[in-house]
Amino acid sequence: NKHDHTSTPSASGGSGGMMSMSLHFGVHETILFSQWTTSSNPDFALSCAAVFLFAYCYEWLLSYRAMLTQRAHDTKDRRDDSWHIVSIVHAFVLLMSYCLMLIGMTYNVLLLLSIASGAGTGYYMFGRRRIASSPNTHANESLETGCH
Protein backbone atom coordinates (compact mmCIF):
# COMPACT_ATOMS: atom_id res chain seq x y z
CA ASN A 1 0.00 0.00 0.00
CA LYS A 2 1.62 3.25 -1.05
CA HIS A 3 -0.14 5.16 1.76
CA ASP A 4 1.21 2.94 4.53
CA HIS A 5 3.16 5.15 6.95
CA THR A 6 3.89 2.57 9.62
CA SER A 7 7.60 2.51 8.86
CA THR A 8 8.18 6.26 8.91
CA PRO A 9 9.71 7.83 12.02
CA SER A 10 7.33 9.69 14.24
CA ALA A 11 7.83 13.18 15.64
CA SER A 12 8.94 11.67 18.92
CA GLY A 13 11.56 9.49 17.30
CA GLY A 14 9.65 6.21 17.29
CA SER A 15 8.72 4.17 14.27
CA GLY A 16 4.98 3.82 14.69
CA GLY A 17 4.09 6.69 12.39
CA MET A 18 2.17 8.38 15.19
CA MET A 19 3.29 11.32 17.26
CA SER A 20 3.26 10.82 21.02
CA MET A 21 0.07 12.40 22.34
CA SER A 22 1.16 12.45 25.98
CA LEU A 23 3.79 14.35 27.90
CA HIS A 24 7.17 12.70 27.55
CA PHE A 25 10.90 13.22 27.93
CA GLY A 26 13.42 12.33 25.27
CA VAL A 27 15.90 13.81 22.87
CA HIS A 28 14.56 12.36 19.61
CA GLU A 29 12.27 15.10 18.32
CA THR A 30 11.29 16.82 15.11
CA ILE A 31 10.74 20.49 15.87
CA LEU A 32 8.66 22.54 13.40
CA PHE A 33 10.45 21.30 10.25
CA SER A 34 11.56 17.89 9.09
CA GLN A 35 15.09 19.33 8.84
CA TRP A 36 15.08 20.33 12.54
CA THR A 37 15.51 16.98 14.23
CA THR A 38 17.40 16.08 17.36
CA SER A 39 18.96 12.73 18.10
CA SER A 40 21.55 13.43 20.78
CA ASN A 41 21.72 15.29 24.08
CA PRO A 42 23.83 18.17 22.67
CA ASP A 43 21.45 18.60 19.70
CA PHE A 44 18.46 18.62 22.00
CA ALA A 45 20.07 21.02 24.51
CA LEU A 46 20.88 23.44 21.68
CA SER A 47 17.30 23.16 20.41
CA CYS A 48 15.93 23.87 23.90
CA ALA A 49 18.15 26.97 24.05
CA ALA A 50 16.88 28.07 20.63
CA VAL A 51 13.25 27.56 21.73
CA PHE A 52 13.95 29.53 24.95
CA LEU A 53 15.39 32.38 22.86
CA PHE A 54 12.47 32.24 20.43
CA ALA A 55 9.93 32.52 23.29
CA TYR A 56 12.00 35.34 24.85
CA CYS A 57 11.98 37.23 21.53
CA TYR A 58 8.24 36.63 21.24
CA GLU A 59 7.71 38.50 24.51
CA TRP A 60 9.97 41.31 23.32
CA LEU A 61 7.96 41.55 20.09
CA LEU A 62 4.70 41.73 22.07
CA SER A 63 6.11 44.69 24.01
CA TYR A 64 7.40 46.31 20.84
CA ARG A 65 3.96 45.93 19.23
CA ALA A 66 2.30 47.53 22.29
CA MET A 67 4.69 50.48 22.08
CA LEU A 68 4.10 50.89 18.33
CA THR A 69 0.34 50.62 18.84
CA GLN A 70 0.42 53.33 21.50
CA ARG A 71 2.48 55.60 19.26
CA ALA A 72 0.14 55.00 16.33
CA HIS A 73 -2.86 55.66 18.57
CA ASP A 74 -1.34 58.91 19.83
CA THR A 75 -0.59 60.12 16.31
CA LYS A 76 -3.04 62.77 15.19
CA ASP A 77 -2.35 62.31 11.49
CA ARG A 78 -4.27 59.18 10.43
CA ARG A 79 -2.38 59.09 7.11
CA ASP A 80 0.65 57.99 9.08
CA ASP A 81 2.27 54.74 7.98
CA SER A 82 2.61 53.61 11.60
CA TRP A 83 -0.51 51.43 11.37
CA HIS A 84 1.08 49.56 8.47
CA ILE A 85 4.12 48.82 10.63
CA VAL A 86 1.92 47.76 13.56
CA SER A 87 0.04 45.40 11.24
CA ILE A 88 3.26 43.82 9.96
CA VAL A 89 4.57 43.37 13.51
CA HIS A 90 1.20 41.89 14.50
CA ALA A 91 1.51 39.34 11.67
CA PHE A 92 4.96 38.32 12.99
CA VAL A 93 3.55 38.01 16.52
CA LEU A 94 0.81 35.76 15.20
CA LEU A 95 3.28 33.63 13.24
CA MET A 96 5.56 33.29 16.25
CA SER A 97 2.68 32.33 18.54
CA TYR A 98 1.60 29.56 16.17
CA CYS A 99 5.18 28.28 15.96
CA LEU A 100 5.42 28.21 19.76
CA MET A 101 2.13 26.32 19.90
CA LEU A 102 3.38 23.76 17.38
CA ILE A 103 6.60 23.30 19.36
CA GLY A 104 4.51 22.75 22.47
CA MET A 105 2.46 20.17 20.61
CA THR A 106 5.50 17.89 20.50
CA TYR A 107 4.43 17.21 24.12
CA ASN A 108 8.09 17.10 25.11
CA VAL A 109 8.31 18.31 28.70
CA LEU A 110 11.72 19.94 28.25
CA LEU A 111 10.58 21.85 25.16
CA LEU A 112 7.47 22.99 27.04
CA LEU A 113 9.68 24.17 29.91
CA SER A 114 11.91 25.99 27.41
CA ILE A 115 8.87 27.83 26.05
CA ALA A 116 7.57 28.71 29.51
CA SER A 117 10.92 29.82 30.89
CA GLY A 118 11.78 31.84 27.78
CA ALA A 119 8.39 33.55 27.77
CA GLY A 120 8.53 34.10 31.53
CA THR A 121 12.00 35.63 31.35
CA GLY A 122 10.96 37.76 28.40
CA TYR A 123 7.87 38.95 30.20
CA TYR A 124 9.95 39.78 33.27
CA MET A 125 12.32 41.82 31.12
CA PHE A 126 9.81 43.51 28.81
CA GLY A 127 6.34 43.13 30.36
CA ARG A 128 6.53 46.37 32.32
CA ARG A 129 7.04 48.27 29.09
CA ARG A 130 3.96 46.59 27.64
CA ILE A 131 1.88 47.53 30.66
CA ALA A 132 3.26 51.08 30.67
CA SER A 133 2.35 51.58 27.00
CA SER A 134 -1.13 50.10 27.38
CA PRO A 135 -3.87 52.60 26.50
CA ASN A 136 -5.75 51.61 29.66
CA THR A 137 -2.85 52.32 32.04
CA HIS A 138 -4.18 55.71 33.14
CA ALA A 139 -7.65 54.29 33.76
CA ASN A 140 -6.17 51.46 35.82
CA GLU A 141 -4.07 53.91 37.85
CA SER A 142 -7.10 56.05 38.65
CA LEU A 143 -9.00 52.96 39.82
CA GLU A 144 -6.13 51.93 42.06
CA THR A 145 -5.63 55.36 43.64
CA GLY A 146 -9.30 56.22 43.85
CA CYS A 147 -8.74 59.46 41.87
CA HIS A 148 -11.20 60.58 39.22
C-alpha atoms as a PDB file:
ATOM      1  CA  ASN A   1       0.000   0.000   0.000  1.00  0.00           C
ATOM      2  CA  LYS A   2       1.616   3.248  -1.048  1.00  0.00           C
ATOM      3  CA  HIS A   3      -0.140   5.160   1.763  1.00  0.00           C
ATOM      4  CA  ASP A   4       1.214   2.938   4.526  1.00  0.00           C
ATOM      5  CA  HIS A   5       3.164   5.146   6.946  1.00  0.00           C
ATOM      6  CA  THR A   6       3.890   2.565   9.620  1.00  0.00           C
ATOM      7  CA  SER A   7       7.602   2.505   8.864  1.00  0.00           C
ATOM      8  CA  THR A   8       8.185   6.260   8.907  1.00  0.00           C
ATOM      9  CA  PRO A   9       9.712   7.826  12.017  1.00  0.00           C
ATOM     10  CA  SER A  10       7.334   9.694  14.245  1.00  0.00           C
ATOM     11  CA  ALA A  11       7.829  13.179  15.640  1.00  0.00           C
ATOM     12  CA  SER A  12       8.942  11.665  18.918  1.00  0.00           C
ATOM     13  CA  GLY A  13      11.557   9.488  17.297  1.00  0.00           C
ATOM     14  CA  GLY A  14       9.646   6.215  17.292  1.00  0.00           C
ATOM     15  CA  SER A  15       8.723   4.170  14.271  1.00  0.00           C
ATOM     16  CA  GLY A  16       4.975   3.820  14.688  1.00  0.00           C
ATOM     17  CA  GLY A  17       4.090   6.687  12.389  1.00  0.00           C
ATOM     18  CA  MET A  18       2.174   8.381  15.191  1.00  0.00           C
ATOM     19  CA  MET A  19       3.287  11.322  17.263  1.00  0.00           C
ATOM     20  CA  SER A  20       3.259  10.819  21.021  1.00  0.00           C
ATOM     21  CA  MET A  21       0.066  12.397  22.343  1.00  0.00           C
ATOM     22  CA  SER A  22       1.160  12.446  25.984  1.00  0.00           C
ATOM     23  CA  LEU A  23       3.794  14.352  27.897  1.00  0.00           C
ATOM     24  CA  HIS A  24       7.173  12.704  27.551  1.00  0.00           C
ATOM     25  CA  PHE A  25      10.899  13.221  27.935  1.00  0.00           C
ATOM     26  CA  GLY A  26      13.416  12.332  25.274  1.00  0.00           C
ATOM     27  CA  VAL A  27      15.902  13.806  22.867  1.00  0.00           C
ATOM     28  CA  HIS A  28      14.563  12.356  19.610  1.00  0.00           C
ATOM     29  CA  GLU A  29      12.267  15.099  18.317  1.00  0.00           C
ATOM     30  CA  THR A  30      11.287  16.815  15.110  1.00  0.00           C
ATOM     31  CA  ILE A  31      10.737  20.488  15.867  1.00  0.00           C
ATOM     32  CA  LEU A  32       8.658  22.540  13.402  1.00  0.00           C
ATOM     33  CA  PHE A  33      10.452  21.304  10.252  1.00  0.00           C
ATOM     34  CA  SER A  34      11.564  17.885   9.086  1.00  0.00           C
ATOM     35  CA  GLN A  35      15.085  19.327   8.844  1.00  0.00           C
ATOM     36  CA  TRP A  36      15.079  20.327  12.542  1.00  0.00           C
ATOM     37  CA  THR A  37      15.514  16.978  14.232  1.00  0.00           C
ATOM     38  CA  THR A  38      17.399  16.084  17.361  1.00  0.00           C
ATOM     39  CA  SER A  39      18.960  12.728  18.097  1.00  0.00           C
ATOM     40  CA  SER A  40      21.549  13.434  20.783  1.00  0.00           C
ATOM     41  CA  ASN A  41      21.723  15.292  24.079  1.00  0.00           C
ATOM     42  CA  PRO A  42      23.833  18.173  22.666  1.00  0.00           C
ATOM     43  CA  ASP A  43      21.452  18.596  19.700  1.00  0.00           C
ATOM     44  CA  PHE A  44      18.457  18.624  22.000  1.00  0.00           C
ATOM     45  CA  ALA A  45      20.068  21.023  24.508  1.00  0.00           C
ATOM     46  CA  LEU A  46      20.883  23.438  21.679  1.00  0.00           C
ATOM     47  CA  SER A  47      17.302  23.162  20.412  1.00  0.00           C
ATOM     48  CA  CYS A  48      15.932  23.874  23.902  1.00  0.00           C
ATOM     49  CA  ALA A  49      18.150  26.968  24.053  1.00  0.00           C
ATOM     50  CA  ALA A  50      16.878  28.071  20.629  1.00  0.00           C
ATOM     51  CA  VAL A  51      13.255  27.562  21.731  1.00  0.00           C
ATOM     52  CA  PHE A  52      13.947  29.528  24.945  1.00  0.00           C
ATOM     53  CA  LEU A  53      15.389  32.381  22.863  1.00  0.00           C
ATOM     54  CA  PHE A  54      12.466  32.236  20.430  1.00  0.00           C
ATOM     55  CA  ALA A  55       9.928  32.520  23.288  1.00  0.00           C
ATOM     56  CA  TYR A  56      11.999  35.337  24.846  1.00  0.00           C
ATOM     57  CA  CYS A  57      11.977  37.227  21.530  1.00  0.00           C
ATOM     58  CA  TYR A  58       8.242  36.630  21.237  1.00  0.00           C
ATOM     59  CA  GLU A  59       7.708  38.498  24.515  1.00  0.00           C
ATOM     60  CA  TRP A  60       9.970  41.313  23.317  1.00  0.00           C
ATOM     61  CA  LEU A  61       7.963  41.547  20.092  1.00  0.00           C
ATOM     62  CA  LEU A  62       4.699  41.732  22.071  1.00  0.00           C
ATOM     63  CA  SER A  63       6.108  44.688  24.012  1.00  0.00           C
ATOM     64  CA  TYR A  64       7.404  46.314  20.845  1.00  0.00           C
ATOM     65  CA  ARG A  65       3.960  45.934  19.233  1.00  0.00           C
ATOM     66  CA  ALA A  66       2.301  47.530  22.289  1.00  0.00           C
ATOM     67  CA  MET A  67       4.694  50.481  22.081  1.00  0.00           C
ATOM     68  CA  LEU A  68       4.100  50.885  18.335  1.00  0.00           C
ATOM     69  CA  THR A  69       0.337  50.620  18.839  1.00  0.00           C
ATOM     70  CA  GLN A  70       0.420  53.332  21.499  1.00  0.00           C
ATOM     71  CA  ARG A  71       2.478  55.604  19.256  1.00  0.00           C
ATOM     72  CA  ALA A  72       0.144  54.995  16.333  1.00  0.00           C
ATOM     73  CA  HIS A  73      -2.864  55.658  18.573  1.00  0.00           C
ATOM     74  CA  ASP A  74      -1.339  58.911  19.835  1.00  0.00           C
ATOM     75  CA  THR A  75      -0.587  60.118  16.310  1.00  0.00           C
ATOM     76  CA  LYS A  76      -3.045  62.768  15.192  1.00  0.00           C
ATOM     77  CA  ASP A  77      -2.350  62.312  11.493  1.00  0.00           C
ATOM     78  CA  ARG A  78      -4.272  59.176  10.427  1.00  0.00           C
ATOM     79  CA  ARG A  79      -2.379  59.087   7.108  1.00  0.00           C
ATOM     80  CA  ASP A  80       0.653  57.993   9.079  1.00  0.00           C
ATOM     81  CA  ASP A  81       2.266  54.739   7.984  1.00  0.00           C
ATOM     82  CA  SER A  82       2.613  53.609  11.597  1.00  0.00           C
ATOM     83  CA  TRP A  83      -0.512  51.426  11.369  1.00  0.00           C
ATOM     84  CA  HIS A  84       1.080  49.559   8.474  1.00  0.00           C
ATOM     85  CA  ILE A  85       4.115  48.821  10.631  1.00  0.00           C
ATOM     86  CA  VAL A  86       1.917  47.760  13.560  1.00  0.00           C
ATOM     87  CA  SER A  87       0.042  45.402  11.244  1.00  0.00           C
ATOM     88  CA  ILE A  88       3.260  43.824   9.965  1.00  0.00           C
ATOM     89  CA  VAL A  89       4.573  43.371  13.514  1.00  0.00           C
ATOM     90  CA  HIS A  90       1.203  41.886  14.500  1.00  0.00           C
ATOM     91  CA  ALA A  91       1.510  39.337  11.671  1.00  0.00           C
ATOM     92  CA  PHE A  92       4.956  38.321  12.987  1.00  0.00           C
ATOM     93  CA  VAL A  93       3.548  38.013  16.523  1.00  0.00           C
ATOM     94  CA  LEU A  94       0.809  35.758  15.202  1.00  0.00           C
ATOM     95  CA  LEU A  95       3.277  33.628  13.237  1.00  0.00           C
ATOM     96  CA  MET A  96       5.564  33.289  16.251  1.00  0.00           C
ATOM     97  CA  SER A  97       2.678  32.329  18.537  1.00  0.00           C
ATOM     98  CA  TYR A  98       1.601  29.557  16.173  1.00  0.00           C
ATOM     99  CA  CYS A  99       5.181  28.285  15.961  1.00  0.00           C
ATOM    100  CA  LEU A 100       5.421  28.205  19.758  1.00  0.00           C
ATOM    101  CA  MET A 101       2.126  26.323  19.900  1.00  0.00           C
ATOM    102  CA  LEU A 102       3.377  23.762  17.381  1.00  0.00           C
ATOM    103  CA  ILE A 103       6.602  23.304  19.356  1.00  0.00           C
ATOM    104  CA  GLY A 104       4.506  22.749  22.472  1.00  0.00           C
ATOM    105  CA  MET A 105       2.462  20.172  20.615  1.00  0.00           C
ATOM    106  CA  THR A 106       5.498  17.892  20.499  1.00  0.00           C
ATOM    107  CA  TYR A 107       4.429  17.214  24.118  1.00  0.00           C
ATOM    108  CA  ASN A 108       8.090  17.098  25.109  1.00  0.00           C
ATOM    109  CA  VAL A 109       8.306  18.311  28.704  1.00  0.00           C
ATOM    110  CA  LEU A 110      11.718  19.939  28.249  1.00  0.00           C
ATOM    111  CA  LEU A 111      10.583  21.848  25.161  1.00  0.00           C
ATOM    112  CA  LEU A 112       7.474  22.990  27.040  1.00  0.00           C
ATOM    113  CA  LEU A 113       9.681  24.173  29.909  1.00  0.00           C
ATOM    114  CA  SER A 114      11.913  25.987  27.411  1.00  0.00           C
ATOM    115  CA  ILE A 115       8.875  27.833  26.046  1.00  0.00           C
ATOM    116  CA  ALA A 116       7.567  28.706  29.507  1.00  0.00           C
ATOM    117  CA  SER A 117      10.919  29.818  30.891  1.00  0.00           C
ATOM    118  CA  GLY A 118      11.775  31.841  27.777  1.00  0.00           C
ATOM    119  CA  ALA A 119       8.393  33.551  27.766  1.00  0.00           C
ATOM    120  CA  GLY A 120       8.526  34.096  31.529  1.00  0.00           C
ATOM    121  CA  THR A 121      11.997  35.626  31.349  1.00  0.00           C
ATOM    122  CA  GLY A 122      10.962  37.763  28.396  1.00  0.00           C
ATOM    123  CA  TYR A 123       7.865  38.950  30.204  1.00  0.00           C
ATOM    124  CA  TYR A 124       9.947  39.784  33.275  1.00  0.00           C
ATOM    125  CA  MET A 125      12.324  41.820  31.116  1.00  0.00           C
ATOM    126  CA  PHE A 126       9.810  43.512  28.805  1.00  0.00           C
ATOM    127  CA  GLY A 127       6.341  43.126  30.360  1.00  0.00           C
ATOM    128  CA  ARG A 128       6.525  46.370  32.322  1.00  0.00           C
ATOM    129  CA  ARG A 129       7.036  48.268  29.094  1.00  0.00           C
ATOM    130  CA  ARG A 130       3.964  46.590  27.643  1.00  0.00           C
ATOM    131  CA  ILE A 131       1.878  47.532  30.665  1.00  0.00           C
ATOM    132  CA  ALA A 132       3.265  51.083  30.672  1.00  0.00           C
ATOM    133  CA  SER A 133       2.348  51.577  27.004  1.00  0.00           C
ATOM    134  CA  SER A 134      -1.135  50.102  27.382  1.00  0.00           C
ATOM    135  CA  PRO A 135      -3.866  52.601  26.498  1.00  0.00           C
ATOM    136  CA  ASN A 136      -5.753  51.614  29.662  1.00  0.00           C
ATOM    137  CA  THR A 137      -2.851  52.316  32.039  1.00  0.00           C
ATOM    138  CA  HIS A 138      -4.177  55.705  33.145  1.00  0.00           C
ATOM    139  CA  ALA A 139      -7.650  54.287  33.757  1.00  0.00           C
ATOM    140  CA  ASN A 140      -6.172  51.463  35.819  1.00  0.00           C
ATOM    141  CA  GLU A 141      -4.068  53.911  37.853  1.00  0.00           C
ATOM    142  CA  SER A 142      -7.105  56.052  38.645  1.00  0.00           C
ATOM    143  CA  LEU A 143      -9.004  52.964  39.822  1.00  0.00           C
ATOM    144  CA  GLU A 144      -6.126  51.928  42.062  1.00  0.00           C
ATOM    145  CA  THR A 145      -5.633  55.356  43.639  1.00  0.00           C
ATOM    146  CA  GLY A 146      -9.303  56.225  43.846  1.00  0.00           C
ATOM    147  CA  CYS A 147      -8.740  59.460  41.869  1.00  0.00           C
ATOM    148  CA  HIS A 148     -11.199  60.578  39.217  1.00  0.00           C
END
